[in-house]
């Protein structure tokens, strides 16, 4: 009996103009049974052809490549697979996360960081399959929230951050705040995990709206939010690049 789609390994594409980098990622993949290398190439132009002709679940995309950068290539795709950016430079991290990439890996890539990134990718992939099998598209921007006896349509992309207040939540937008009776955990499971990060037991933030991070605080739209000590390192690895950190 064939494995169901959620049990099959994720089909990976490695895009990098350095063969040593391709071999390094492929070597990491070979250690994991939930990933498999379907194709490799050395340019974004080659990658486009592969994506048009093959089913790819997860793409490892180098940013600094000739002719067309990984960032520009990603922007050009109408439907991109789950993507993990790889580069030797850190200055593109925030732009990458605004494109909803799964993770951002700095070269040389340790297996520990690689495993952390691909585990996150696998979880997102399985969740997307589950949602699709139940007739829900995770990429849909609109969602409905309940307020009393009424339901209000919102776009999750417009949520700046979510604040937990005992038995209810505050959804903060640029020009309004909505209050819903829901647990943080249940809302976190509904929102795209590639777009939101739990910085504290009481705060869930939209990564694309982070203005800066400094001294254990996240700044969004003029608001200062605390980052728990347990989440700070992962947040820094996930979101921040060196120009945003206050020394």
C-alpha atoms as a PDB file:
ATOM      1  CA  UNK A   1       0.000   0.000   0.000  1.00  0.00           C
ATOM      2  CA  UNK A   2       1.339   3.442  -0.970  1.00  0.00           C
ATOM      3  CA  UNK A   3       1.911   6.051   1.679  1.00  0.00           C
ATOM      4  CA  UNK A   4      -0.700   8.788   1.899  1.00  0.00           C
ATOM      5  CA  UNK A   5       0.436  12.260   0.711  1.00  0.00           C
ATOM      6  CA  UNK A   6       1.021  13.442   4.281  1.00  0.00           C
ATOM      7  CA  UNK A   7       3.305  10.452   4.925  1.00  0.00           C
ATOM      8  CA  UNK A   8       5.444  10.808   1.809  1.00  0.00           C
ATOM      9  CA  UNK A   9       8.735  12.751   2.016  1.00  0.00           C
ATOM     10  CA  UNK A  10       8.707  16.364   0.922  1.00  0.00           C
ATOM     11  CA  UNK A  11      10.082  16.770  -2.614  1.00  0.00           C
ATOM     12  CA  UNK A  12      12.937  19.285  -2.439  1.00  0.00           C
ATOM     13  CA  UNK A  13      14.567  21.604  -4.962  1.00  0.00           C
ATOM     14  CA  UNK A  14      17.996  23.080  -4.129  1.00  0.00           C
ATOM     15  CA  UNK A  15      18.867  26.314  -5.957  1.00  0.00           C
ATOM     16  CA  UNK A  16      22.409  27.607  -5.463  1.00  0.00           C
ATOM     17  CA  UNK A  17      25.201  28.769  -7.767  1.00  0.00           C
ATOM     18  CA  UNK A  18      27.826  27.035  -5.599  1.00  0.00           C
ATOM     19  CA  UNK A  19      28.077  23.262  -5.937  1.00  0.00           C
ATOM     20  CA  UNK A  20      29.603  22.925  -2.471  1.00  0.00           C
ATOM     21  CA  UNK A  21      26.490  24.558  -1.011  1.00  0.00           C
ATOM     22  CA  UNK A  22      24.212  22.212  -2.967  1.00  0.00           C
ATOM     23  CA  UNK A  23      26.169  19.206  -1.725  1.00  0.00           C
ATOM     24  CA  UNK A  24      25.988  20.457   1.857  1.00  0.00           C
ATOM     25  CA  UNK A  25      22.202  20.803   1.807  1.00  0.00           C
ATOM     26  CA  UNK A  26      21.792  17.492  -0.019  1.00  0.00           C
ATOM     27  CA  UNK A  27      23.945  15.826   2.633  1.00  0.00           C
ATOM     28  CA  UNK A  28      21.726  17.223   5.395  1.00  0.00           C
ATOM     29  CA  UNK A  29      18.633  16.020   3.532  1.00  0.00           C
ATOM     30  CA  UNK A  30      20.071  12.522   3.182  1.00  0.00           C
ATOM     31  CA  UNK A  31      20.008  12.170   6.974  1.00  0.00           C
ATOM     32  CA  UNK A  32      16.228  12.712   7.164  1.00  0.00           C
ATOM     33  CA  UNK A  33      13.535  10.326   5.985  1.00  0.00           C
ATOM     34  CA  UNK A  34      10.882  13.026   5.575  1.00  0.00           C
ATOM     35  CA  UNK A  35      12.813  14.873   2.832  1.00  0.00           C
ATOM     36  CA  UNK A  36      14.084  13.839  -0.587  1.00  0.00           C
ATOM     37  CA  UNK A  37      16.064  15.736  -3.246  1.00  0.00           C
ATOM     38  CA  UNK A  38      14.055  15.885  -6.463  1.00  0.00           C
ATOM     39  CA  UNK A  39      16.202  18.395  -8.340  1.00  0.00           C
ATOM     40  CA  UNK A  40      19.112  20.805  -8.031  1.00  0.00           C
ATOM     41  CA  UNK A  41      20.141  23.755 -10.178  1.00  0.00           C
ATOM     42  CA  UNK A  42      22.513  26.717 -10.159  1.00  0.00           C
ATOM     43  CA  UNK A  43      20.271  29.638 -11.167  1.00  0.00           C
ATOM     44  CA  UNK A  44      16.812  31.067 -10.677  1.00  0.00           C
ATOM     45  CA  UNK A  45      16.150  30.742 -14.403  1.00  0.00           C
ATOM     46  CA  UNK A  46      16.764  27.003 -14.238  1.00  0.00           C
ATOM     47  CA  UNK A  47      14.624  26.806 -11.115  1.00  0.00           C
ATOM     48  CA  UNK A  48      11.664  28.347 -12.931  1.00  0.00           C
ATOM     49  CA  UNK A  49      11.768  25.599 -15.539  1.00  0.00           C
ATOM     50  CA  UNK A  50      11.920  22.918 -12.870  1.00  0.00           C
ATOM     51  CA  UNK A  51       8.963  24.372 -10.968  1.00  0.00           C
ATOM     52  CA  UNK A  52       6.931  24.483 -14.189  1.00  0.00           C
ATOM     53  CA  UNK A  53       7.574  20.809 -14.917  1.00  0.00           C
ATOM     54  CA  UNK A  54       7.877  19.142 -11.525  1.00  0.00           C
ATOM     55  CA  UNK A  55       5.935  19.034  -8.291  1.00  0.00           C
ATOM     56  CA  UNK A  56       8.140  20.600  -5.605  1.00  0.00           C
ATOM     57  CA  UNK A  57       7.081  20.830  -1.968  1.00  0.00           C
ATOM     58  CA  UNK A  58      10.100  22.632  -0.472  1.00  0.00           C
ATOM     59  CA  UNK A  59      12.666  24.879  -2.156  1.00  0.00           C
ATOM     60  CA  UNK A  60      16.067  25.811  -0.704  1.00  0.00           C
ATOM     61  CA  UNK A  61      16.809  29.107  -2.431  1.00  0.00           C
ATOM     62  CA  UNK A  62      20.104  30.969  -2.376  1.00  0.00           C
ATOM     63  CA  UNK A  63      19.701  34.748  -2.429  1.00  0.00           C
ATOM     64  CA  UNK A  64      22.955  35.864  -4.050  1.00  0.00           C
ATOM     65  CA  UNK A  65      22.926  34.407  -7.555  1.00  0.00           C
ATOM     66  CA  UNK A  66      23.869  35.858 -10.965  1.00  0.00           C
ATOM     67  CA  UNK A  67      21.277  37.487 -13.270  1.00  0.00           C
ATOM     68  CA  UNK A  68      18.325  37.100 -10.897  1.00  0.00           C
ATOM     69  CA  UNK A  69      18.542  37.074  -7.102  1.00  0.00           C
ATOM     70  CA  UNK A  70      16.611  34.597  -5.022  1.00  0.00           C
ATOM     71  CA  UNK A  71      14.489  37.408  -3.553  1.00  0.00           C
ATOM     72  CA  UNK A  72      13.542  38.762  -6.988  1.00  0.00           C
ATOM     73  CA  UNK A  73      12.857  35.256  -8.247  1.00  0.00           C
ATOM     74  CA  UNK A  74      10.574  34.547  -5.294  1.00  0.00           C
ATOM     75  CA  UNK A  75       8.694  37.796  -5.921  1.00  0.00           C
ATOM     76  CA  UNK A  76       8.148  36.775  -9.544  1.00  0.00           C
ATOM     77  CA  UNK A  77       6.397  33.499  -8.693  1.00  0.00           C
ATOM     78  CA  UNK A  78       2.608  33.437  -8.631  1.00  0.00           C
ATOM     79  CA  UNK A  79       2.617  30.249  -6.569  1.00  0.00           C
ATOM     80  CA  UNK A  80       5.865  29.420  -4.819  1.00  0.00           C
ATOM     81  CA  UNK A  81       6.485  26.187  -2.918  1.00  0.00           C
ATOM     82  CA  UNK A  82       7.438  26.398   0.736  1.00  0.00           C
ATOM     83  CA  UNK A  83      10.789  28.175   0.659  1.00  0.00           C
ATOM     84  CA  UNK A  84      13.832  28.297   2.918  1.00  0.00           C
ATOM     85  CA  UNK A  85      16.262  31.069   1.987  1.00  0.00           C
ATOM     86  CA  UNK A  86      19.991  30.389   2.233  1.00  0.00           C
ATOM     87  CA  UNK A  87      22.809  32.921   2.051  1.00  0.00           C
ATOM     88  CA  UNK A  88      26.151  33.904   3.501  1.00  0.00           C
ATOM     89  CA  UNK A  89      24.792  37.393   4.205  1.00  0.00           C
ATOM     90  CA  UNK A  90      22.236  38.443   6.812  1.00  0.00           C
ATOM     91  CA  UNK A  91      20.971  41.763   5.471  1.00  0.00           C
ATOM     92  CA  UNK A  92      18.076  40.251   3.522  1.00  0.00           C
ATOM     93  CA  UNK A  93      16.420  38.422   6.400  1.00  0.00           C
ATOM     94  CA  UNK A  94      13.510  40.765   7.093  1.00  0.00           C
ATOM     95  CA  UNK A  95      12.657  41.140   3.387  1.00  0.00           C
ATOM     96  CA  UNK A  96      12.620  37.368   3.139  1.00  0.00           C
ATOM     97  CA  UNK A  97      10.153  37.038   5.986  1.00  0.00           C
ATOM     98  CA  UNK A  98       7.900  39.655   4.452  1.00  0.00           C
ATOM     99  CA  UNK A  99       7.658  37.198   1.544  1.00  0.00           C
ATOM    100  CA  UNK A 100       6.444  34.513   3.977  1.00  0.00           C
ATOM    101  CA  UNK A 101       9.413  32.185   3.664  1.00  0.00           C
ATOM    102  CA  UNK A 102       9.588  29.296   6.116  1.00  0.00           C
ATOM    103  CA  UNK A 103      13.033  30.145   7.447  1.00  0.00           C
ATOM    104  CA  UNK A 104      16.295  31.939   6.696  1.00  0.00           C
ATOM    105  CA  UNK A 105      19.545  29.994   7.020  1.00  0.00           C
ATOM    106  CA  UNK A 106      22.962  31.610   7.188  1.00  0.00           C
ATOM    107  CA  UNK A 107      25.868  29.733   5.622  1.00  0.00           C
ATOM    108  CA  UNK A 108      27.660  27.666   6.699  1.00  0.00           C
ATOM    109  CA  UNK A 109      24.466  25.847   7.675  1.00  0.00           C
ATOM    110  CA  UNK A 110      24.747  23.661  10.750  1.00  0.00           C
ATOM    111  CA  UNK A 111      22.653  20.517  10.854  1.00  0.00           C
ATOM    112  CA  UNK A 112      20.959  21.735  14.034  1.00  0.00           C
ATOM    113  CA  UNK A 113      19.636  24.901  12.349  1.00  0.00           C
ATOM    114  CA  UNK A 114      18.817  22.955   9.192  1.00  0.00           C
ATOM    115  CA  UNK A 115      16.801  20.421  11.186  1.00  0.00           C
ATOM    116  CA  UNK A 116      14.939  23.200  12.987  1.00  0.00           C
ATOM    117  CA  UNK A 117      14.018  24.853   9.663  1.00  0.00           C
ATOM    118  CA  UNK A 118      12.904  21.722   7.824  1.00  0.00           C
ATOM    119  CA  UNK A 119      10.915  20.476  10.816  1.00  0.00           C
ATOM    120  CA  UNK A 120       9.004  23.741  10.691  1.00  0.00           C
ATOM    121  CA  UNK A 121       8.537  23.334   6.913  1.00  0.00           C
ATOM    122  CA  UNK A 122       7.255  19.777   7.302  1.00  0.00           C
ATOM    123  CA  UNK A 123       4.769  20.882   9.960  1.00  0.00           C
ATOM    124  CA  UNK A 124       3.477  23.701   7.733  1.00  0.00           C
ATOM    125  CA  UNK A 125       3.209  21.321   4.776  1.00  0.00           C
ATOM    126  CA  UNK A 126       1.234  18.719   6.736  1.00  0.00           C
ATOM    127  CA  UNK A 127      -1.015  21.443   8.155  1.00  0.00           C
ATOM    128  CA  UNK A 128      -1.709  22.798   4.660  1.00  0.00           C
ATOM    129  CA  UNK A 129      -2.628  19.308   3.472  1.00  0.00           C
ATOM    130  CA  UNK A 130      -4.958  18.873   6.417  1.00  0.00           C
ATOM    131  CA  UNK A 131      -6.625  22.213   5.768  1.00  0.00           C
ATOM    132  CA  UNK A 132      -6.973  21.520   2.056  1.00  0.00           C
ATOM    133  CA  UNK A 133      -8.433  18.088   2.732  1.00  0.00           C
ATOM    134  CA  UNK A 134     -11.048  19.816   4.855  1.00  0.00           C
ATOM    135  CA  UNK A 135     -11.813  22.370   2.162  1.00  0.00           C
ATOM    136  CA  UNK A 136      -9.798  25.224   3.672  1.00  0.00           C
ATOM    137  CA  UNK A 137      -6.987  27.085   1.933  1.00  0.00           C
ATOM    138  CA  UNK A 138      -4.395  28.361   4.402  1.00  0.00           C
ATOM    139  CA  UNK A 139      -3.227  30.948   1.869  1.00  0.00           C
ATOM    140  CA  UNK A 140      -6.664  32.593   1.924  1.00  0.00           C
ATOM    141  CA  UNK A 141      -6.275  36.010   3.492  1.00  0.00           C
ATOM    142  CA  UNK A 142      -9.836  36.372   4.750  1.00  0.00           C
ATOM    143  CA  UNK A 143     -11.117  34.735   7.895  1.00  0.00           C
ATOM    144  CA  UNK A 144     -14.153  35.213  10.151  1.00  0.00           C
ATOM    145  CA  UNK A 145     -14.003  36.023  13.836  1.00  0.00           C
ATOM    146  CA  UNK A 146     -16.895  35.925  16.250  1.00  0.00           C
ATOM    147  CA  UNK A 147     -17.842  38.980  18.264  1.00  0.00           C
ATOM    148  CA  UNK A 148     -20.863  38.286  20.424  1.00  0.00           C
ATOM    149  CA  UNK A 149     -23.587  36.949  18.144  1.00  0.00           C
ATOM    150  CA  UNK A 150     -22.020  38.381  14.976  1.00  0.00           C
ATOM    151  CA  UNK A 151     -19.200  37.262  12.697  1.00  0.00           C
ATOM    152  CA  UNK A 152     -16.750  39.788  11.248  1.00  0.00           C
ATOM    153  CA  UNK A 153     -14.588  39.173   8.196  1.00  0.00           C
ATOM    154  CA  UNK A 154     -10.938  40.218   8.548  1.00  0.00           C
ATOM    155  CA  UNK A 155      -7.696  39.638   6.682  1.00  0.00           C
ATOM    156  CA  UNK A 156      -5.060  37.915   8.803  1.00  0.00           C
ATOM    157  CA  UNK A 157      -2.357  39.775   6.877  1.00  0.00           C
ATOM    158  CA  UNK A 158      -3.629  43.008   8.461  1.00  0.00           C
ATOM    159  CA  UNK A 159      -3.252  41.747  12.035  1.00  0.00           C
ATOM    160  CA  UNK A 160      -0.258  43.489  13.628  1.00  0.00           C
ATOM    161  CA  UNK A 161      -0.224  41.358  16.756  1.00  0.00           C
ATOM    162  CA  UNK A 162      -2.509  39.453  19.098  1.00  0.00           C
ATOM    163  CA  UNK A 163      -2.610  40.182  22.822  1.00  0.00           C
ATOM    164  CA  UNK A 164      -3.882  37.638  25.307  1.00  0.00           C
ATOM    165  CA  UNK A 165      -6.067  39.028  28.114  1.00  0.00           C
ATOM    166  CA  UNK A 166      -7.216  36.248  30.484  1.00  0.00           C
ATOM    167  CA  UNK A 167     -10.154  34.573  28.706  1.00  0.00           C
ATOM    168  CA  UNK A 168     -10.194  36.744  25.580  1.00  0.00           C
ATOM    169  CA  UNK A 169      -7.861  38.100  22.886  1.00  0.00           C
ATOM    170  CA  UNK A 170      -7.229  41.543  21.448  1.00  0.00           C
ATOM    171  CA  UNK A 171      -6.485  41.611  17.717  1.00  0.00           C
ATOM    172  CA  UNK A 172      -4.505  44.774  17.027  1.00  0.00           C
ATOM    173  CA  UNK A 173      -4.710  46.402  13.592  1.00  0.00           C
ATOM    174  CA  UNK A 174      -3.269  49.721  12.440  1.00  0.00           C
ATOM    175  CA  UNK A 175      -6.513  51.607  12.985  1.00  0.00           C
ATOM    176  CA  UNK A 176      -8.606  49.382  15.251  1.00  0.00           C
ATOM    177  CA  UNK A 177      -8.619  46.685  17.920  1.00  0.00           C
ATOM    178  CA  UNK A 178     -11.048  43.757  17.928  1.00  0.00           C
ATOM    179  CA  UNK A 179     -11.797  41.635  20.983  1.00  0.00           C
ATOM    180  CA  UNK A 180     -12.672  37.956  20.608  1.00  0.00           C
ATOM    181  CA  UNK A 181     -13.361  35.187  23.127  1.00  0.00           C
ATOM    182  CA  UNK A 182     -10.838  32.580  22.045  1.00  0.00           C
ATOM    183  CA  UNK A 183      -7.677  31.030  23.435  1.00  0.00           C
ATOM    184  CA  UNK A 184      -4.279  32.051  22.097  1.00  0.00           C
ATOM    185  CA  UNK A 185      -3.433  28.431  21.307  1.00  0.00           C
ATOM    186  CA  UNK A 186      -6.556  27.864  19.215  1.00  0.00           C
ATOM    187  CA  UNK A 187      -6.016  31.072  17.212  1.00  0.00           C
ATOM    188  CA  UNK A 188      -2.343  30.224  16.729  1.00  0.00           C
ATOM    189  CA  UNK A 189      -3.363  26.915  15.160  1.00  0.00           C
ATOM    190  CA  UNK A 190      -5.650  28.691  12.682  1.00  0.00           C
ATOM    191  CA  UNK A 191      -3.243  31.429  11.562  1.00  0.00           C
ATOM    192  CA  UNK A 192      -0.448  30.581   9.070  1.00  0.00           C
ATOM    193  CA  UNK A 193       2.532  29.451  11.130  1.00  0.00           C
ATOM    194  CA  UNK A 194       4.942  30.807   8.531  1.00  0.00           C
ATOM    195  CA  UNK A 195       3.569  34.326   9.142  1.00  0.00           C
ATOM    196  CA  UNK A 196       3.093  34.504  12.927  1.00  0.00           C
ATOM    197  CA  UNK A 197       5.460  33.980  15.865  1.00  0.00           C
ATOM    198  CA  UNK A 198       4.611  33.537  19.568  1.00  0.00           C
ATOM    199  CA  UNK A 199       7.079  35.891  21.264  1.00  0.00           C
ATOM    200  CA  UNK A 200       5.505  35.568  24.718  1.00  0.00           C
ATOM    201  CA  UNK A 201       2.675  33.645  26.370  1.00  0.00           C
ATOM    202  CA  UNK A 202       0.554  36.778  25.946  1.00  0.00           C
ATOM    203  CA  UNK A 203       1.697  37.975  22.513  1.00  0.00           C
ATOM    204  CA  UNK A 204       1.558  36.535  18.987  1.00  0.00           C
ATOM    205  CA  UNK A 205       3.053  38.799  16.317  1.00  0.00           C
ATOM    206  CA  UNK A 206       2.762  39.049  12.560  1.00  0.00           C
ATOM    207  CA  UNK A 207       6.369  38.798  11.319  1.00  0.00           C
ATOM    208  CA  UNK A 208       5.752  41.027   8.314  1.00  0.00           C
ATOM    209  CA  UNK A 209       4.778  43.953  10.575  1.00  0.00           C
ATOM    210  CA  UNK A 210       7.825  43.951  12.866  1.00  0.00           C
ATOM    211  CA  UNK A 211       9.594  47.323  12.663  1.00  0.00           C
ATOM    212  CA  UNK A 212      12.568  46.451  14.861  1.00  0.00           C
ATOM    213  CA  UNK A 213      13.833  44.301  17.696  1.00  0.00           C
ATOM    214  CA  UNK A 214      16.006  45.669  20.479  1.00  0.00           C
ATOM    215  CA  UNK A 215      16.930  44.686  24.029  1.00  0.00           C
ATOM    216  CA  UNK A 216      14.402  41.900  24.349  1.00  0.00           C
ATOM    217  CA  UNK A 217      11.555  43.940  22.903  1.00  0.00           C
ATOM    218  CA  UNK A 218       9.670  43.831  19.601  1.00  0.00           C
ATOM    219  CA  UNK A 219       8.435  47.128  18.135  1.00  0.00           C
ATOM    220  CA  UNK A 220       5.327  47.126  15.940  1.00  0.00           C
ATOM    221  CA  UNK A 221       3.521  50.273  14.823  1.00  0.00           C
ATOM    222  CA  UNK A 222       4.964  52.257  17.710  1.00  0.00           C
ATOM    223  CA  UNK A 223       4.096  49.622  20.324  1.00  0.00           C
ATOM    224  CA  UNK A 224       6.726  47.912  22.486  1.00  0.00           C
ATOM    225  CA  UNK A 225       6.078  44.217  23.155  1.00  0.00           C
ATOM    226  CA  UNK A 226       8.030  41.895  25.493  1.00  0.00           C
ATOM    227  CA  UNK A 227       9.868  38.802  24.247  1.00  0.00           C
ATOM    228  CA  UNK A 228      10.154  35.924  26.694  1.00  0.00           C
ATOM    229  CA  UNK A 229      13.657  34.690  27.469  1.00  0.00           C
ATOM    230  CA  UNK A 230      12.741  31.241  26.156  1.00  0.00           C
ATOM    231  CA  UNK A 231      11.651  32.602  22.753  1.00  0.00           C
ATOM    232  CA  UNK A 232      14.242  35.336  22.228  1.00  0.00           C
ATOM    233  CA  UNK A 233      16.975  33.210  20.656  1.00  0.00           C
ATOM    234  CA  UNK A 234      14.587  31.507  18.265  1.00  0.00           C
ATOM    235  CA  UNK A 235      13.079  34.851  17.300  1.00  0.00           C
ATOM    236  CA  UNK A 236      16.511  36.273  16.553  1.00  0.00           C
ATOM    237  CA  UNK A 237      17.391  33.229  14.463  1.00  0.00           C
ATOM    238  CA  UNK A 238      14.092  33.440  12.670  1.00  0.00           C
ATOM    239  CA  UNK A 239      13.467  37.100  12.015  1.00  0.00           C
ATOM    240  CA  UNK A 240      16.161  39.589  12.816  1.00  0.00           C
ATOM    241  CA  UNK A 241      19.139  40.671  10.750  1.00  0.00           C
ATOM    242  CA  UNK A 242      22.145  42.477  12.155  1.00  0.00           C
ATOM    243  CA  UNK A 243      21.126  46.013  11.144  1.00  0.00           C
ATOM    244  CA  UNK A 244      17.957  45.777  13.272  1.00  0.00           C
ATOM    245  CA  UNK A 245      19.720  44.786  16.491  1.00  0.00           C
ATOM    246  CA  UNK A 246      20.626  47.613  18.855  1.00  0.00           C
ATOM    247  CA  UNK A 247      24.066  46.972  20.252  1.00  0.00           C
END
